[in-house]
């Protein structure tokens, strides 16, 4: 029974690690998208109406 508990705990740890890796990937993707969006905003001419209402 102790072996089953150890095995179950390891599975839970593996699951948490996978969830954390997926979360990190999602955060990095969101960060990259935000940076690209901000760069696009900065490249818009200041007199462009799109820039005024962009965010």
Protein backbone atom coordinates (compact mmCIF):
# COMPACT_ATOMS: atom_id res chain seq x y z
CA UNK A 1 0.00 0.00 0.00
CA UNK A 2 2.86 2.39 0.75
CA UNK A 3 4.25 1.76 -2.75
CA UNK A 4 0.86 2.66 -4.26
CA UNK A 5 0.85 5.92 -2.29
CA UNK A 6 4.35 6.80 -3.46
CA UNK A 7 3.41 6.02 -7.05
CA UNK A 8 0.24 8.14 -6.78
CA UNK A 9 2.20 11.05 -5.29
CA UNK A 10 4.69 10.85 -8.16
CA UNK A 11 1.85 10.91 -10.69
CA UNK A 12 0.41 13.98 -8.99
CA UNK A 13 3.82 15.70 -9.07
CA UNK A 14 4.20 14.85 -12.76
CA UNK A 15 0.74 16.25 -13.43
CA UNK A 16 1.56 19.49 -11.57
CA UNK A 17 4.80 19.82 -13.53
CA UNK A 18 2.94 19.42 -16.83
CA UNK A 19 0.38 22.02 -15.76
CA UNK A 20 3.14 24.43 -14.76
CA UNK A 21 4.93 23.93 -18.08
CA UNK A 22 1.69 24.58 -19.97
CA UNK A 23 1.10 27.70 -17.89
CA UNK A 24 4.62 28.98 -18.58
CA UNK A 25 4.13 28.38 -22.31
CA UNK A 26 0.82 30.27 -22.25
CA UNK A 27 2.37 33.20 -20.36
CA UNK A 28 5.33 33.37 -22.74
CA UNK A 29 3.00 33.28 -25.74
CA UNK A 30 0.83 36.02 -24.29
CA UNK A 31 3.91 38.10 -23.48
CA UNK A 32 5.27 37.73 -27.01
CA UNK A 33 1.90 38.69 -28.48
CA UNK A 34 1.70 41.75 -26.22
CA UNK A 35 5.18 42.86 -27.25
CA UNK A 36 4.31 42.46 -30.94
CA UNK A 37 1.08 44.37 -30.47
CA UNK A 38 2.88 47.21 -28.68
CA UNK A 39 5.55 47.36 -31.41
CA UNK A 40 2.76 47.62 -33.99
CA UNK A 41 1.20 50.45 -31.97
CA UNK A 42 4.50 52.31 -31.78
CA UNK A 43 4.97 52.00 -35.54
CA UNK A 44 1.64 53.70 -36.25
CA UNK A 45 1.95 57.39 -37.18
CA UNK A 46 0.95 59.65 -34.31
CA UNK A 47 -1.66 61.39 -36.44
CA UNK A 48 -3.28 58.08 -37.38
CA UNK A 49 -6.75 57.81 -35.83
CA UNK A 50 -6.18 54.09 -35.33
CA UNK A 51 -3.44 54.90 -32.81
CA UNK A 52 -5.80 57.11 -30.80
CA UNK A 53 -8.32 54.31 -30.37
CA UNK A 54 -5.92 51.38 -30.44
CA UNK A 55 -6.05 50.43 -26.79
